[in-house]
Amino acid sequence: ADLLGKEKGLFVPSGTMANEIAFRVFCRPGDEIILDQSAHPLHSEVGGPAFVKSVLGPCPWTRIMPTGGVDATRESLEGWFNAGVAAVGAGSKLITKELVEAKDWDGLAAKVRQSVEWIAEIRAEVTG
């Protein structure tokens, strides 16, 4: 506040946090927010890997393991691990109702094996 000649000030460690504060101050639950298709909050603050990055920015010591929104695809796993997660929980996206109902244990084992292989490859790429 002194630096800017103001009576009071609020330190906000990231642009993401500033946007979140603005949404909370100026909007009520259920309000709609109109954003340009390239708006930062739309692409970088909505959740998922973007949320992980926004947490790890000011708190790099944090270890995060998402258990929702993780698909058993290479693309999804890359997004999460590139964002900095320590691990993921794929749950029903990995062990699908269809595989269980069909008692396709070989198919399930192959899907799990493929996911584990992708994670090993992605981790190797991320850590260089």
Protein backbone atom coordinates (compact mmCIF):
# COMPACT_ATOMS: atom_id res chain seq x y z
CA ALA A 1 0.00 0.00 0.00
CA ASP A 2 2.81 2.42 0.90
CA LEU A 3 4.58 1.66 -2.35
CA LEU A 4 1.54 2.79 -4.33
CA GLY A 5 0.53 5.61 -2.01
CA LYS A 6 -2.65 3.81 -0.90
CA GLU A 7 -4.16 3.43 2.54
CA LYS A 8 -4.40 -0.37 2.32
CA GLY A 9 -3.34 -3.12 -0.06
CA LEU A 10 -3.79 -6.81 -0.68
CA PHE A 11 -0.91 -9.01 -1.77
CA VAL A 12 -2.01 -11.58 -4.35
CA PRO A 13 0.80 -13.99 -5.34
CA SER A 14 -0.60 -14.90 -8.77
CA GLY A 15 -2.76 -13.57 -11.56
CA THR A 16 -4.97 -16.62 -11.18
CA MET A 17 -5.66 -15.73 -7.56
CA ALA A 18 -6.47 -12.15 -8.56
CA ASN A 19 -9.03 -13.42 -11.08
CA GLU A 20 -10.57 -15.76 -8.53
CA ILE A 21 -10.89 -12.93 -6.00
CA ALA A 22 -12.53 -10.72 -8.63
CA PHE A 23 -15.04 -13.46 -9.48
CA ARG A 24 -15.89 -13.95 -5.79
CA VAL A 25 -16.27 -10.21 -5.15
CA PHE A 26 -18.30 -9.29 -8.22
CA CYS A 27 -20.35 -12.46 -8.79
CA ARG A 28 -22.80 -14.54 -6.82
CA PRO A 29 -23.20 -18.33 -7.04
CA GLY A 30 -25.12 -19.11 -10.22
CA ASP A 31 -24.10 -15.92 -12.05
CA GLU A 32 -22.84 -16.32 -15.60
CA ILE A 33 -19.51 -14.86 -16.64
CA ILE A 34 -18.98 -13.92 -20.28
CA LEU A 35 -15.39 -14.51 -21.39
CA ASP A 36 -13.63 -14.14 -24.71
CA GLN A 37 -12.66 -17.50 -26.21
CA SER A 38 -9.00 -16.75 -25.49
CA ALA A 39 -9.56 -15.55 -21.89
CA HIS A 40 -6.98 -16.79 -19.37
CA PRO A 41 -9.56 -17.93 -16.77
CA LEU A 42 -11.24 -20.09 -19.40
CA HIS A 43 -8.11 -21.93 -20.53
CA SER A 44 -5.80 -21.76 -17.54
CA GLU A 45 -7.88 -21.56 -14.38
CA VAL A 46 -10.91 -23.78 -14.82
CA GLY A 47 -9.56 -26.88 -13.13
CA GLY A 48 -7.80 -30.02 -14.14
CA PRO A 49 -4.13 -29.65 -15.03
CA ALA A 50 -4.51 -25.86 -15.12
CA PHE A 51 -5.58 -25.89 -11.47
CA VAL A 52 -2.56 -28.02 -10.57
CA LYS A 53 -0.23 -25.50 -12.24
CA SER A 54 -1.91 -22.61 -10.43
CA VAL A 55 -1.41 -24.33 -7.05
CA LEU A 56 2.17 -25.40 -7.74
CA GLY A 57 3.18 -21.91 -8.91
CA PRO A 58 3.13 -20.31 -5.46
CA CYS A 59 3.42 -23.64 -3.59
CA PRO A 60 5.97 -25.80 -5.46
CA TRP A 61 6.50 -28.08 -2.44
CA THR A 62 2.91 -29.37 -2.73
CA ARG A 63 2.36 -32.96 -3.89
CA ILE A 64 -0.92 -33.40 -5.78
CA MET A 65 -2.74 -36.58 -6.82
CA PRO A 66 -5.96 -35.91 -8.72
CA THR A 67 -8.60 -38.64 -8.59
CA GLY A 68 -11.26 -37.05 -10.77
CA GLY A 69 -11.12 -36.03 -14.39
CA VAL A 70 -8.23 -38.35 -15.21
CA ASP A 71 -8.88 -40.32 -18.39
CA ALA A 72 -6.98 -43.50 -19.22
CA THR A 73 -5.54 -41.91 -22.38
CA ARG A 74 -2.01 -40.79 -23.12
CA GLU A 75 -3.24 -37.26 -23.83
CA SER A 76 -4.97 -36.94 -20.45
CA LEU A 77 -2.05 -38.45 -18.55
CA GLU A 78 0.42 -36.13 -20.33
CA GLY A 79 -1.66 -33.11 -19.37
CA TRP A 80 -1.68 -34.08 -15.70
CA PHE A 81 1.98 -35.07 -15.41
CA ASN A 82 3.17 -32.08 -17.44
CA ALA A 83 1.24 -29.91 -14.97
CA GLY A 84 3.27 -31.40 -12.13
CA VAL A 85 1.16 -34.03 -10.38
CA ALA A 86 2.91 -36.65 -8.26
CA ALA A 87 0.47 -39.43 -9.20
CA VAL A 88 -3.05 -39.90 -10.60
CA GLY A 89 -6.07 -41.99 -9.71
CA ALA A 90 -7.99 -42.99 -12.84
CA GLY A 91 -10.78 -44.99 -11.16
CA SER A 92 -13.83 -45.66 -13.33
CA LYS A 93 -12.11 -44.23 -16.41
CA LEU A 94 -9.59 -47.06 -16.17
CA ILE A 95 -11.72 -49.86 -14.73
CA THR A 96 -14.82 -49.33 -16.86
CA LYS A 97 -18.27 -50.71 -16.23
CA GLU A 98 -18.22 -52.31 -19.69
CA LEU A 99 -15.03 -54.28 -19.01
CA VAL A 100 -16.28 -55.46 -15.61
CA GLU A 101 -19.77 -56.44 -16.87
CA ALA A 102 -18.19 -58.35 -19.76
CA LYS A 103 -15.74 -59.96 -17.31
CA ASP A 104 -13.02 -58.96 -19.76
CA TRP A 105 -10.16 -59.35 -17.29
CA ASP A 106 -7.57 -59.65 -20.07
CA GLY A 107 -8.85 -56.41 -21.61
CA LEU A 108 -8.76 -54.73 -18.21
CA ALA A 109 -5.22 -55.96 -17.56
CA ALA A 110 -4.12 -54.69 -20.99
CA LYS A 111 -5.68 -51.27 -20.34
CA VAL A 112 -3.99 -51.00 -16.93
CA ARG A 113 -0.65 -52.17 -18.37
CA GLN A 114 -0.89 -49.60 -21.20
CA SER A 115 -1.67 -46.80 -18.75
CA VAL A 116 1.27 -47.74 -16.52
CA GLU A 117 3.57 -47.80 -19.55
CA TRP A 118 2.35 -44.37 -20.68
CA ILE A 119 2.93 -42.95 -17.21
CA ALA A 120 6.50 -44.31 -17.14
CA GLU A 121 7.18 -42.80 -20.58
CA ILE A 122 5.63 -39.45 -19.66
CA ARG A 123 7.53 -39.24 -16.37
CA ALA A 124 10.78 -39.93 -18.25
CA GLU A 125 9.94 -37.12 -20.70
CA VAL A 126 8.98 -34.68 -17.92
CA THR A 127 12.09 -35.31 -15.82
CA GLY A 128 14.29 -35.28 -18.93
